[in-house]
Amino acid sequence: MDLFRPLSGKRAQPTGKDNPVLEIIWHTVSAIPRGKVSTYGAVAQASGLRGRARQVGYALRVAPKELNLPWHRVLGAGGKIVFPAGSREYKEQSKRLGAEGVKVQDGRAPSAAVVLLDDR
């Protein structure tokens, strides 16, 4: 029996009430300024979750659309887009960053655009 699946057979959408860690991550991501980017690791550290960069990726994947999180401002180590080059997600992230003045070249944002967030 899958303990994480509700009896109805549908997957429950996590909310901040269900998991306060997700809420903290979402709050941290929403604090990344327009025209700047941060990394999964920096978001994790600023959320008090040092070493849990993958949890940031999970939190972004399951975030309710209504939050309108600036997910595109979160990049991999070195300011690199983590989606495969040419994928729909890669193109969308590049487009959104470009609209904010972040010029992506060869899948990377310039180091001047990368911000480290304050630890909580």
PDB file of N, CA and C in Angstrom:
ATOM      1  N   MET A   1       0.841  -1.176   0.000  1.00  0.00           N
ATOM      2  CA  MET A   1       0.000   0.000   0.000  1.00  0.00           C
ATOM      3  C   MET A   1       0.890   1.244   0.000  1.00  0.00           C
ATOM      4  N   ASP A   2       0.545   2.190  -0.867  1.00  0.00           N
ATOM      5  CA  ASP A   2       1.287   3.437  -0.955  1.00  0.00           C
ATOM      6  C   ASP A   2       0.769   4.397   0.112  1.00  0.00           C
ATOM      7  N   LEU A   3       1.608   4.672   1.097  1.00  0.00           N
ATOM      8  CA  LEU A   3       1.185   5.521   2.205  1.00  0.00           C
ATOM      9  C   LEU A   3       1.039   6.978   1.812  1.00  0.00           C
ATOM     10  N   PHE A   4       1.584   7.360   0.668  1.00  0.00           N
ATOM     11  CA  PHE A   4       1.537   8.750   0.251  1.00  0.00           C
ATOM     12  C   PHE A   4       0.399   9.027  -0.723  1.00  0.00           C
ATOM     13  N   ARG A   5      -0.351   8.028  -1.066  1.00  0.00           N
ATOM     14  CA  ARG A   5      -1.447   8.219  -2.000  1.00  0.00           C
ATOM     15  C   ARG A   5      -2.770   8.192  -1.235  1.00  0.00           C
ATOM     16  N   PRO A   6      -3.621   9.221  -1.437  1.00  0.00           N
ATOM     17  CA  PRO A   6      -4.913   9.213  -0.767  1.00  0.00           C
ATOM     18  C   PRO A   6      -5.767   8.051  -1.266  1.00  0.00           C
ATOM     19  N   LEU A   7      -6.741   7.671  -0.491  1.00  0.00           N
ATOM     20  CA  LEU A   7      -7.590   6.538  -0.838  1.00  0.00           C
ATOM     21  C   LEU A   7      -8.362   6.753  -2.128  1.00  0.00           C
ATOM     22  N   SER A   8      -8.620   7.989  -2.502  1.00  0.00           N
ATOM     23  CA  SER A   8      -9.383   8.271  -3.709  1.00  0.00           C
ATOM     24  C   SER A   8      -8.617   7.898  -4.974  1.00  0.00           C
ATOM     25  N   GLY A   9      -7.305   7.658  -4.858  1.00  0.00           N
ATOM     26  CA  GLY A   9      -6.512   7.314  -6.026  1.00  0.00           C
ATOM     27  C   GLY A   9      -5.875   8.526  -6.676  1.00  0.00           C
ATOM     28  N   LYS A  10      -6.347   9.728  -6.354  1.00  0.00           N
ATOM     29  CA  LYS A  10      -5.750  10.947  -6.888  1.00  0.00           C
ATOM     30  C   LYS A  10      -4.634  11.400  -5.971  1.00  0.00           C
ATOM     31  N   ARG A  11      -3.640  11.990  -6.566  1.00  0.00           N
ATOM     32  CA  ARG A  11      -2.531  12.532  -5.768  1.00  0.00           C
ATOM     33  C   ARG A  11      -2.947  13.847  -5.150  1.00  0.00           C
ATOM     34  N   ALA A  12      -2.695  13.985  -3.881  1.00  0.00           N
ATOM     35  CA  ALA A  12      -3.008  15.233  -3.200  1.00  0.00           C
ATOM     36  C   ALA A  12      -1.991  16.297  -3.596  1.00  0.00           C
ATOM     37  N   GLN A  13      -2.464  17.513  -3.826  1.00  0.00           N
ATOM     38  CA  GLN A  13      -1.573  18.628  -4.119  1.00  0.00           C
ATOM     39  C   GLN A  13      -1.074  19.200  -2.800  1.00  0.00           C
ATOM     40  N   PRO A  14       0.246  19.213  -2.573  1.00  0.00           N
ATOM     41  CA  PRO A  14       0.754  19.714  -1.304  1.00  0.00           C
ATOM     42  C   PRO A  14       0.442  21.194  -1.134  1.00  0.00           C
ATOM     43  N   THR A  15       0.214  21.581   0.072  1.00  0.00           N
ATOM     44  CA  THR A  15       0.033  22.991   0.391  1.00  0.00           C
ATOM     45  C   THR A  15       0.981  23.331   1.516  1.00  0.00           C
ATOM     46  N   GLY A  16       1.182  24.622   1.741  1.00  0.00           N
ATOM     47  CA  GLY A  16       2.038  25.052   2.829  1.00  0.00           C
ATOM     48  C   GLY A  16       1.543  24.559   4.173  1.00  0.00           C
ATOM     49  N   LYS A  17       0.210  24.404   4.300  1.00  0.00           N
ATOM     50  CA  LYS A  17      -0.352  23.908   5.559  1.00  0.00           C
ATOM     51  C   LYS A  17       0.024  22.451   5.784  1.00  0.00           C
ATOM     52  N   ASP A  18       0.097  21.700   4.689  1.00  0.00           N
ATOM     53  CA  ASP A  18       0.468  20.290   4.781  1.00  0.00           C
ATOM     54  C   ASP A  18       1.959  20.122   5.051  1.00  0.00           C
ATOM     55  N   ASN A  19       2.755  21.041   4.536  1.00  0.00           N
ATOM     56  CA  ASN A  19       4.204  20.919   4.627  1.00  0.00           C
ATOM     57  C   ASN A  19       4.820  22.312   4.759  1.00  0.00           C
ATOM     58  N   PRO A  20       5.112  22.734   5.977  1.00  0.00           N
ATOM     59  CA  PRO A  20       5.668  24.080   6.168  1.00  0.00           C
ATOM     60  C   PRO A  20       7.003  24.293   5.464  1.00  0.00           C
ATOM     61  N   VAL A  21       7.743  23.225   5.177  1.00  0.00           N
ATOM     62  CA  VAL A  21       9.013  23.366   4.461  1.00  0.00           C
ATOM     63  C   VAL A  21       8.755  23.907   3.051  1.00  0.00           C
ATOM     64  N   LEU A  22       7.704  23.422   2.412  1.00  0.00           N
ATOM     65  CA  LEU A  22       7.364  23.926   1.077  1.00  0.00           C
ATOM     66  C   LEU A  22       7.036  25.409   1.139  1.00  0.00           C
ATOM     67  N   GLU A  23       6.288  25.798   2.139  1.00  0.00           N
ATOM     68  CA  GLU A  23       5.903  27.196   2.283  1.00  0.00           C
ATOM     69  C   GLU A  23       7.139  28.090   2.453  1.00  0.00           C
ATOM     70  N   ILE A  24       8.107  27.631   3.226  1.00  0.00           N
ATOM     71  CA  ILE A  24       9.342  28.399   3.428  1.00  0.00           C
ATOM     72  C   ILE A  24      10.093  28.544   2.104  1.00  0.00           C
ATOM     73  N   ILE A  25      10.189  27.470   1.355  1.00  0.00           N
ATOM     74  CA  ILE A  25      10.882  27.512   0.061  1.00  0.00           C
ATOM     75  C   ILE A  25      10.162  28.460  -0.880  1.00  0.00           C
ATOM     76  N   TRP A  26       8.846  28.357  -0.957  1.00  0.00           N
ATOM     77  CA  TRP A  26       8.067  29.232  -1.840  1.00  0.00           C
ATOM     78  C   TRP A  26       8.269  30.695  -1.470  1.00  0.00           C
ATOM     79  N   HIS A  27       8.301  30.978  -0.180  1.00  0.00           N
ATOM     80  CA  HIS A  27       8.506  32.349   0.284  1.00  0.00           C
ATOM     81  C   HIS A  27       9.897  32.845  -0.136  1.00  0.00           C
ATOM     82  N   THR A  28      10.895  32.007  -0.004  1.00  0.00           N
ATOM     83  CA  THR A  28      12.259  32.380  -0.376  1.00  0.00           C
ATOM     84  C   THR A  28      12.360  32.644  -1.876  1.00  0.00           C
ATOM     85  N   VAL A  29      11.767  31.785  -2.688  1.00  0.00           N
ATOM     86  CA  VAL A  29      11.802  31.959  -4.143  1.00  0.00           C
ATOM     87  C   VAL A  29      11.100  33.262  -4.535  1.00  0.00           C
ATOM     88  N   SER A  30       9.995  33.567  -3.871  1.00  0.00           N
ATOM     89  CA  SER A  30       9.250  34.783  -4.215  1.00  0.00           C
ATOM     90  C   SER A  30      10.040  36.050  -3.871  1.00  0.00           C
ATOM     91  N   ALA A  31      11.078  35.935  -3.048  1.00  0.00           N
ATOM     92  CA  ALA A  31      11.892  37.086  -2.656  1.00  0.00           C
ATOM     93  C   ALA A  31      13.040  37.369  -3.631  1.00  0.00           C
ATOM     94  N   ILE A  32      13.242  36.521  -4.625  1.00  0.00           N
ATOM     95  CA  ILE A  32      14.306  36.766  -5.611  1.00  0.00           C
ATOM     96  C   ILE A  32      13.860  37.942  -6.479  1.00  0.00           C
ATOM     97  N   PRO A  33      14.659  39.017  -6.519  1.00  0.00           N
ATOM     98  CA  PRO A  33      14.237  40.212  -7.259  1.00  0.00           C
ATOM     99  C   PRO A  33      14.148  39.991  -8.771  1.00  0.00           C
ATOM    100  N   ARG A  34      13.269  40.735  -9.383  1.00  0.00           N
ATOM    101  CA  ARG A  34      13.129  40.731 -10.845  1.00  0.00           C
ATOM    102  C   ARG A  34      14.476  41.115 -11.459  1.00  0.00           C
ATOM    103  N   GLY A  35      14.873  40.415 -12.507  1.00  0.00           N
ATOM    104  CA  GLY A  35      16.135  40.698 -13.172  1.00  0.00           C
ATOM    105  C   GLY A  35      17.337  40.042 -12.512  1.00  0.00           C
ATOM    106  N   LYS A  36      17.091  39.258 -11.476  1.00  0.00           N
ATOM    107  CA  LYS A  36      18.159  38.532 -10.783  1.00  0.00           C
ATOM    108  C   LYS A  36      17.792  37.060 -10.758  1.00  0.00           C
ATOM    109  N   VAL A  37      18.760  36.226 -10.491  1.00  0.00           N
ATOM    110  CA  VAL A  37      18.536  34.784 -10.372  1.00  0.00           C
ATOM    111  C   VAL A  37      19.274  34.280  -9.148  1.00  0.00           C
ATOM    112  N   SER A  38      18.908  33.099  -8.704  1.00  0.00           N
ATOM    113  CA  SER A  38      19.624  32.432  -7.633  1.00  0.00           C
ATOM    114  C   SER A  38      19.714  30.957  -7.995  1.00  0.00           C
ATOM    115  N   THR A  39      20.350  30.192  -7.158  1.00  0.00           N
ATOM    116  CA  THR A  39      20.514  28.764  -7.437  1.00  0.00           C
ATOM    117  C   THR A  39      19.654  27.936  -6.487  1.00  0.00           C
ATOM    118  N   TYR A  40      19.433  26.701  -6.864  1.00  0.00           N
ATOM    119  CA  TYR A  40      18.677  25.784  -6.001  1.00  0.00           C
ATOM    120  C   TYR A  40      19.357  25.680  -4.635  1.00  0.00           C
ATOM    121  N   GLY A  41      20.688  25.589  -4.639  1.00  0.00           N
ATOM    122  CA  GLY A  41      21.430  25.474  -3.390  1.00  0.00           C
ATOM    123  C   GLY A  41      21.309  26.709  -2.518  1.00  0.00           C
ATOM    124  N   ALA A  42      21.370  27.897  -3.126  1.00  0.00           N
ATOM    125  CA  ALA A  42      21.255  29.140  -2.365  1.00  0.00           C
ATOM    126  C   ALA A  42      19.853  29.295  -1.786  1.00  0.00           C
ATOM    127  N   VAL A  43      18.838  28.893  -2.548  1.00  0.00           N
ATOM    128  CA  VAL A  43      17.457  28.945  -2.036  1.00  0.00           C
ATOM    129  C   VAL A  43      17.310  27.993  -0.857  1.00  0.00           C
ATOM    130  N   ALA A  44      17.879  26.797  -0.989  1.00  0.00           N
ATOM    131  CA  ALA A  44      17.811  25.828   0.110  1.00  0.00           C
ATOM    132  C   ALA A  44      18.486  26.390   1.353  1.00  0.00           C
ATOM    133  N   GLN A  45      19.685  26.932   1.190  1.00  0.00           N
ATOM    134  CA  GLN A  45      20.418  27.464   2.333  1.00  0.00           C
ATOM    135  C   GLN A  45      19.664  28.633   2.972  1.00  0.00           C
ATOM    136  N   ALA A  46      19.131  29.541   2.158  1.00  0.00           N
ATOM    137  CA  ALA A  46      18.390  30.687   2.690  1.00  0.00           C
ATOM    138  C   ALA A  46      17.100  30.245   3.374  1.00  0.00           C
ATOM    139  N   SER A  47      16.607  29.085   3.008  1.00  0.00           N
ATOM    140  CA  SER A  47      15.388  28.542   3.624  1.00  0.00           C
ATOM    141  C   SER A  47      15.699  27.737   4.879  1.00  0.00           C
ATOM    142  N   GLY A  48      16.970  27.673   5.241  1.00  0.00           N
ATOM    143  CA  GLY A  48      17.370  26.902   6.411  1.00  0.00           C
ATOM    144  C   GLY A  48      17.483  25.419   6.126  1.00  0.00           C
ATOM    145  N   LEU A  49      17.696  25.075   4.866  1.00  0.00           N
ATOM    146  CA  LEU A  49      17.727  23.676   4.431  1.00  0.00           C
ATOM    147  C   LEU A  49      19.035  23.369   3.703  1.00  0.00           C
ATOM    148  N   ARG A  50      20.126  23.761   4.289  1.00  0.00           N
ATOM    149  CA  ARG A  50      21.434  23.579   3.666  1.00  0.00           C
ATOM    150  C   ARG A  50      21.606  22.144   3.154  1.00  0.00           C
ATOM    151  N   GLY A  51      22.069  22.041   1.913  1.00  0.00           N
ATOM    152  CA  GLY A  51      22.315  20.732   1.320  1.00  0.00           C
ATOM    153  C   GLY A  51      21.076  20.062   0.740  1.00  0.00           C
ATOM    154  N   ARG A  52      19.968  20.772   0.689  1.00  0.00           N
ATOM    155  CA  ARG A  52      18.734  20.160   0.191  1.00  0.00           C
ATOM    156  C   ARG A  52      18.217  20.857  -1.068  1.00  0.00           C
ATOM    157  N   ALA A  53      19.126  21.094  -2.006  1.00  0.00           N
ATOM    158  CA  ALA A  53      18.774  21.762  -3.259  1.00  0.00           C
ATOM    159  C   ALA A  53      17.691  21.001  -4.020  1.00  0.00           C
ATOM    160  N   ARG A  54      17.736  19.682  -3.959  1.00  0.00           N
ATOM    161  CA  ARG A  54      16.724  18.891  -4.681  1.00  0.00           C
ATOM    162  C   ARG A  54      15.324  19.118  -4.127  1.00  0.00           C
ATOM    163  N   GLN A  55      15.251  19.416  -2.845  1.00  0.00           N
ATOM    164  CA  GLN A  55      13.936  19.692  -2.263  1.00  0.00           C
ATOM    165  C   GLN A  55      13.370  20.991  -2.834  1.00  0.00           C
ATOM    166  N   VAL A  56      14.237  21.937  -3.158  1.00  0.00           N
ATOM    167  CA  VAL A  56      13.786  23.173  -3.787  1.00  0.00           C
ATOM    168  C   VAL A  56      13.171  22.854  -5.147  1.00  0.00           C
ATOM    169  N   GLY A  57      13.833  21.987  -5.917  1.00  0.00           N
ATOM    170  CA  GLY A  57      13.275  21.570  -7.203  1.00  0.00           C
ATOM    171  C   GLY A  57      11.919  20.923  -7.048  1.00  0.00           C
ATOM    172  N   TYR A  58      11.783  20.068  -6.046  1.00  0.00           N
ATOM    173  CA  TYR A  58      10.499  19.422  -5.779  1.00  0.00           C
ATOM    174  C   TYR A  58       9.451  20.468  -5.422  1.00  0.00           C
ATOM    175  N   ALA A  59       9.815  21.404  -4.547  1.00  0.00           N
ATOM    176  CA  ALA A  59       8.860  22.426  -4.112  1.00  0.00           C
ATOM    177  C   ALA A  59       8.374  23.259  -5.292  1.00  0.00           C
ATOM    178  N   LEU A  60       9.251  23.554  -6.225  1.00  0.00           N
ATOM    179  CA  LEU A  60       8.838  24.319  -7.402  1.00  0.00           C
ATOM    180  C   LEU A  60       7.938  23.488  -8.310  1.00  0.00           C
ATOM    181  N   ARG A  61       8.238  22.214  -8.400  1.00  0.00           N
ATOM    182  CA  ARG A  61       7.438  21.332  -9.262  1.00  0.00           C
ATOM    183  C   ARG A  61       6.015  21.180  -8.751  1.00  0.00           C
ATOM    184  N   VAL A  62       5.835  21.148  -7.441  1.00  0.00           N
ATOM    185  CA  VAL A  62       4.500  20.901  -6.880  1.00  0.00           C
ATOM    186  C   VAL A  62       3.774  22.183  -6.460  1.00  0.00           C
ATOM    187  N   ALA A  63       4.402  23.338  -6.665  1.00  0.00           N
ATOM    188  CA  ALA A  63       3.788  24.603  -6.247  1.00  0.00           C
ATOM    189  C   ALA A  63       2.482  24.847  -6.995  1.00  0.00           C
ATOM    190  N   PRO A  64       1.446  25.246  -6.266  1.00  0.00           N
ATOM    191  CA  PRO A  64       0.186  25.580  -6.933  1.00  0.00           C
ATOM    192  C   PRO A  64       0.380  26.751  -7.900  1.00  0.00           C
ATOM    193  N   LYS A  65      -0.217  26.663  -9.069  1.00  0.00           N
ATOM    194  CA  LYS A  65      -0.091  27.712 -10.086  1.00  0.00           C
ATOM    195  C   LYS A  65      -0.529  29.074  -9.545  1.00  0.00           C
ATOM    196  N   GLU A  66      -1.502  29.063  -8.633  1.00  0.00           N
ATOM    197  CA  GLU A  66      -2.048  30.306  -8.090  1.00  0.00           C
ATOM    198  C   GLU A  66      -0.988  31.140  -7.362  1.00  0.00           C
ATOM    199  N   LEU A  67       0.102  30.514  -6.938  1.00  0.00           N
ATOM    200  CA  LEU A  67       1.163  31.252  -6.244  1.00  0.00           C
ATOM    201  C   LEU A  67       1.940  32.165  -7.191  1.00  0.00           C
ATOM    202  N   ASN A  68       1.908  31.858  -8.471  1.00  0.00           N
ATOM    203  CA  ASN A  68       2.653  32.637  -9.474  1.00  0.00           C
ATOM    204  C   ASN A  68       4.108  32.842  -9.055  1.00  0.00           C
ATOM    205  N   LEU A  69       4.739  31.770  -8.643  1.00  0.00           N
ATOM    206  CA  LEU A  69       6.135  31.852  -8.218  1.00  0.00           C
ATOM    207  C   LEU A  69       7.051  32.157  -9.396  1.00  0.00           C
ATOM    208  N   PRO A  70       8.071  32.952  -9.172  1.00  0.00           N
ATOM    209  CA  PRO A  70       9.046  33.210 -10.239  1.00  0.00           C
ATOM    210  C   PRO A  70      10.045  32.057 -10.354  1.00  0.00           C
ATOM    211  N   TRP A  71       9.552  30.883 -10.690  1.00  0.00           N
ATOM    212  CA  TRP A  71      10.355  29.664 -10.766  1.00  0.00           C
ATOM    213  C   TRP A  71      11.528  29.825 -11.725  1.00  0.00           C
ATOM    214  N   HIS A  72      11.329  30.669 -12.741  1.00  0.00           N
ATOM    215  CA  HIS A  72      12.357  30.851 -13.769  1.00  0.00           C
ATOM    216  C   HIS A  72      13.611  31.529 -13.235  1.00  0.00           C
ATOM    217  N   ARG A  73      13.535  32.120 -12.048  1.00  0.00           N
ATOM    218  CA  ARG A  73      14.684  32.794 -11.454  1.00  0.00           C
ATOM    219  C   ARG A  73      15.579  31.842 -10.664  1.00  0.00           C
ATOM    220  N   VAL A  74      15.230  30.574 -10.630  1.00  0.00           N
ATOM    221  CA  VAL A  74      16.028  29.588  -9.898  1.00  0.00           C
ATOM    222  C   VAL A  74      16.774  28.714 -10.914  1.00  0.00           C
ATOM    223  N   LEU A  75      18.095  28.696 -10.793  1.00  0.00           N
ATOM    224  CA  LEU A  75      18.952  27.976 -11.729  1.00  0.00           C
ATOM    225  C   LEU A  75      19.832  26.983 -10.993  1.00  0.00           C
ATOM    226  N   GLY A  76      20.479  26.146 -11.754  1.00  0.00           N
ATOM    227  CA  GLY A  76      21.412  25.194 -11.184  1.00  0.00           C
ATOM    228  C   GLY A  76      22.720  25.869 -10.804  1.00  0.00           C
ATOM    229  N   ALA A  77      23.635  25.081 -10.269  1.00  0.00           N
ATOM    230  CA  ALA A  77      24.946  25.583  -9.870  1.00  0.00           C
ATOM    231  C   ALA A  77      25.611  26.310 -11.037  1.00  0.00           C
ATOM    232  N   GLY A  78      26.259  27.413 -10.732  1.00  0.00           N
ATOM    233  CA  GLY A  78      26.929  28.180 -11.765  1.00  0.00           C
ATOM    234  C   GLY A  78      25.992  29.001 -12.624  1.00  0.00           C
ATOM    235  N   GLY A  79      24.722  29.107 -12.223  1.00  0.00           N
ATOM    236  CA  GLY A  79      23.757  29.905 -12.980  1.00  0.00           C
ATOM    237  C   GLY A  79      23.290  29.249 -14.262  1.00  0.00           C
ATOM    238  N   LYS A  80      23.291  27.919 -14.278  1.00  0.00           N
ATOM    239  CA  LYS A  80      22.940  27.155 -15.483  1.00  0.00           C
ATOM    240  C   LYS A  80      21.494  26.674 -15.452  1.00  0.00           C
ATOM    241  N   ILE A  81      20.815  26.804 -16.572  1.00  0.00           N
ATOM    242  CA  ILE A  81      19.472  26.247 -16.704  1.00  0.00           C
ATOM    243  C   ILE A  81      19.594  24.733 -16.651  1.00  0.00           C
ATOM    244  N   VAL A  82      18.782  24.087 -15.822  1.00  0.00           N
ATOM    245  CA  VAL A  82      18.921  22.645 -15.624  1.00  0.00           C
ATOM    246  C   VAL A  82      18.108  21.813 -16.611  1.00  0.00           C
ATOM    247  N   PHE A  83      17.171  22.434 -17.301  1.00  0.00           N
ATOM    248  CA  PHE A  83      16.365  21.682 -18.268  1.00  0.00           C
ATOM    249  C   PHE A  83      17.201  21.378 -19.510  1.00  0.00           C
ATOM    250  N   PRO A  84      16.902  20.288 -20.206  1.00  0.00           N
ATOM    251  CA  PRO A  84      17.660  19.964 -21.419  1.00  0.00           C
ATOM    252  C   PRO A  84      17.529  21.074 -22.467  1.00  0.00           C
ATOM    253  N   ALA A  85      18.651  21.435 -23.074  1.00  0.00           N
ATOM    254  CA  ALA A  85      18.651  22.479 -24.107  1.00  0.00           C
ATOM    255  C   ALA A  85      17.649  22.110 -25.199  1.00  0.00           C
ATOM    256  N   GLY A  86      16.850  23.070 -25.587  1.00  0.00           N
ATOM    257  CA  GLY A  86      15.857  22.840 -26.630  1.00  0.00           C
ATOM    258  C   GLY A  86      14.512  22.366 -26.128  1.00  0.00           C
ATOM    259  N   SER A  87      14.440  21.974 -24.859  1.00  0.00           N
ATOM    260  CA  SER A  87      13.150  21.519 -24.325  1.00  0.00           C
ATOM    261  C   SER A  87      12.209  22.713 -24.148  1.00  0.00           C
ATOM    262  N   ARG A  88      10.932  22.411 -24.038  1.00  0.00           N
ATOM    263  CA  ARG A  88       9.920  23.454 -23.837  1.00  0.00           C
ATOM    264  C   ARG A  88      10.231  24.268 -22.587  1.00  0.00           C
ATOM    265  N   GLU A  89      10.620  23.582 -21.508  1.00  0.00           N
ATOM    266  CA  GLU A  89      10.916  24.258 -20.242  1.00  0.00           C
ATOM    267  C   GLU A  89      12.142  25.160 -20.367  1.00  0.00           C
ATOM    268  N   TYR A  90      13.159  24.681 -21.067  1.00  0.00           N
ATOM    269  CA  TYR A  90      14.378  25.460 -21.287  1.00  0.00           C
ATOM    270  C   TYR A  90      14.043  26.746 -22.033  1.00  0.00           C
ATOM    271  N   LYS A  91      13.278  26.607 -23.103  1.00  0.00           N
ATOM    272  CA  LYS A  91      12.903  27.779 -23.905  1.00  0.00           C
ATOM    273  C   LYS A  91      12.062  28.757 -23.093  1.00  0.00           C
ATOM    274  N   GLU A  92      11.134  28.242 -22.306  1.00  0.00           N
ATOM    275  CA  GLU A  92      10.279  29.102 -21.492  1.00  0.00           C
ATOM    276  C   GLU A  92      11.094  29.852 -20.440  1.00  0.00           C
ATOM    277  N   GLN A  93      12.021  29.166 -19.785  1.00  0.00           N
ATOM    278  CA  GLN A  93      12.839  29.813 -18.767  1.00  0.00           C
ATOM    279  C   GLN A  93      13.731  30.881 -19.403  1.00  0.00           C
ATOM    280  N   SER A  94      14.342  30.578 -20.524  1.00  0.00           N
ATOM    281  CA  SER A  94      15.182  31.549 -21.227  1.00  0.00           C
ATOM    282  C   SER A  94      14.378  32.780 -21.626  1.00  0.00           C
ATOM    283  N   LYS A  95      13.184  32.537 -22.129  1.00  0.00           N
ATOM    284  CA  LYS A  95      12.311  33.632 -22.557  1.00  0.00           C
ATOM    285  C   LYS A  95      11.927  34.528 -21.377  1.00  0.00           C
ATOM    286  N   ARG A  96      11.523  33.918 -20.269  1.00  0.00           N
ATOM    287  CA  ARG A  96      11.121  34.697 -19.096  1.00  0.00           C
ATOM    288  C   ARG A  96      12.288  35.496 -18.529  1.00  0.00           C
ATOM    289  N   LEU A  97      13.466  34.879 -18.479  1.00  0.00           N
ATOM    290  CA  LEU A  97      14.633  35.591 -17.970  1.00  0.00           C
ATOM    291  C   LEU A  97      15.000  36.754 -18.895  1.00  0.00           C
ATOM    292  N   GLY A  98      14.946  36.512 -20.194  1.00  0.00           N
ATOM    293  CA  GLY A  98      15.225  37.576 -21.162  1.00  0.00           C
ATOM    294  C   GLY A  98      14.276  38.746 -21.022  1.00  0.00           C
ATOM    295  N   ALA A  99      13.008  38.455 -20.745  1.00  0.00           N
ATOM    296  CA  ALA A  99      12.012  39.513 -20.564  1.00  0.00           C
ATOM    297  C   ALA A  99      12.314  40.368 -19.334  1.00  0.00           C
ATOM    298  N   GLU A 100      13.089  39.815 -18.404  1.00  0.00           N
ATOM    299  CA  GLU A 100      13.474  40.557 -17.202  1.00  0.00           C
ATOM    300  C   GLU A 100      14.862  41.169 -17.327  1.00  0.00           C
ATOM    301  N   GLY A 101      15.462  41.047 -18.506  1.00  0.00           N
ATOM    302  CA  GLY A 101      16.769  41.643 -18.734  1.00  0.00           C
ATOM    303  C   GLY A 101      17.958  40.760 -18.403  1.00  0.00           C
ATOM    304  N   VAL A 102      17.705  39.491 -18.106  1.00  0.00           N
ATOM    305  CA  VAL A 102      18.790  38.543 -17.831  1.00  0.00           C
ATOM    306  C   VAL A 102      19.117  37.840 -19.142  1.00  0.00           C
ATOM    307  N   LYS A 103      20.283  38.127 -19.685  1.00  0.00           N
ATOM    308  CA  LYS A 103      20.674  37.547 -20.969  1.00  0.00           C
ATOM    309  C   LYS A 103      21.296  36.171 -20.746  1.00  0.00           C
ATOM    310  N   VAL A 104      20.605  35.161 -21.211  1.00  0.00           N
ATOM    311  CA  VAL A 104      21.087  33.785 -21.082  1.00  0.00           C
ATOM    312  C   VAL A 104      21.931  33.456 -22.305  1.00  0.00           C
ATOM    313  N   GLN A 105      23.140  32.992 -22.061  1.00  0.00           N
ATOM    314  CA  GLN A 105      24.023  32.608 -23.158  1.00  0.00           C
ATOM    315  C   GLN A 105      24.549  31.211 -22.890  1.00  0.00           C
ATOM    316  N   ASP A 106      24.374  30.329 -23.852  1.00  0.00           N
ATOM    317  CA  ASP A 106      24.784  28.929 -23.718  1.00  0.00           C
ATOM    318  C   ASP A 106      24.196  28.295 -22.462  1.00  0.00           C
ATOM    319  N   GLY A 107      22.961  28.664 -22.158  1.00  0.00           N
ATOM    320  CA  GLY A 107      22.253  28.065 -21.034  1.00  0.00           C
ATOM    321  C   GLY A 107      22.630  28.602 -19.673  1.00  0.00           C
ATOM    322  N   ARG A 108      23.403  29.673 -19.633  1.00  0.00           N
ATOM    323  CA  ARG A 108      23.841  30.247 -18.351  1.00  0.00           C
ATOM    324  C   ARG A 108      23.459  31.724 -18.256  1.00  0.00           C
ATOM    325  N   ALA A 109      23.146  32.119 -17.034  1.00  0.00           N
ATOM    326  CA  ALA A 109      22.919  33.530 -16.744  1.00  0.00           C
ATOM    327  C   ALA A 109      24.261  34.155 -16.385  1.00  0.00           C
ATOM    328  N   PRO A 110      24.446  35.437 -16.661  1.00  0.00           N
ATOM    329  CA  PRO A 110      25.710  36.075 -16.285  1.00  0.00           C
ATOM    330  C   PRO A 110      25.877  36.096 -14.765  1.00  0.00           C
ATOM    331  N   SER A 111      27.108  35.974 -14.319  1.00  0.00           N
ATOM    332  CA  SER A 111      27.360  35.918 -12.880  1.00  0.00           C
ATOM    333  C   SER A 111      26.880  37.174 -12.164  1.00  0.00           C
ATOM    334  N   ALA A 112      26.829  38.304 -12.860  1.00  0.00           N
ATOM    335  CA  ALA A 112      26.355  39.548 -12.247  1.00  0.00           C
ATOM    336  C   ALA A 112      24.872  39.474 -11.875  1.00  0.00           C
ATOM    337  N   ALA A 113      24.133  38.574 -12.512  1.00  0.00           N
ATOM    338  CA  ALA A 113      22.703  38.450 -12.226  1.00  0.00           C
ATOM    339  C   ALA A 113      22.421  37.501 -11.064  1.00  0.00           C
ATOM    340  N   VAL A 114      23.409  36.703 -10.674  1.00  0.00           N
ATOM    341  CA  VAL A 114      23.201  35.701  -9.628  1.00  0.00           C
ATOM    342  C   VAL A 114      23.322  36.350  -8.252  1.00  0.00           C
ATOM    343  N   VAL A 115      22.296  36.163  -7.434  1.00  0.00           N
ATOM    344  CA  VAL A 115      22.317  36.711  -6.072  1.00  0.00           C
ATOM    345  C   VAL A 115      22.321  35.561  -5.067  1.00  0.00           C
ATOM    346  N   LEU A 116      23.054  35.780  -4.000  1.00  0.00           N
ATOM    347  CA  LEU A 116      23.007  34.853  -2.865  1.00  0.00           C
ATOM    348  C   LEU A 116      21.988  35.436  -1.904  1.00  0.00           C
ATOM    349  N   LEU A 117      21.138  34.613  -1.399  1.00  0.00           N
ATOM    350  CA  LEU A 117      20.069  35.077  -0.533  1.00  0.00           C
ATOM    351  C   LEU A 117      20.522  35.033   0.909  1.00  0.00           C
ATOM    352  N   ASP A 118      19.930  35.870   1.743  1.00  0.00           N
ATOM    353  CA  ASP A 118      20.271  35.878   3.169  1.00  0.00           C
ATOM    354  C   ASP A 118      19.812  34.594   3.824  1.00  0.00           C
ATOM    355  N   ASP A 119      20.667  34.076   4.706  1.00  0.00           N
ATOM    356  CA  ASP A 119      20.281  32.912   5.509  1.00  0.00           C
ATOM    357  C   ASP A 119      19.207  33.337   6.490  1.00  0.00           C
ATOM    358  N   ARG A 120      18.330  32.418   6.780  1.00  0.00           N
ATOM    359  CA  ARG A 120      17.273  32.701   7.753  1.00  0.00           C
ATOM    360  C   ARG A 120      17.659  32.142   9.084  1.00  0.00           C
TER     361      ARG A 120
END
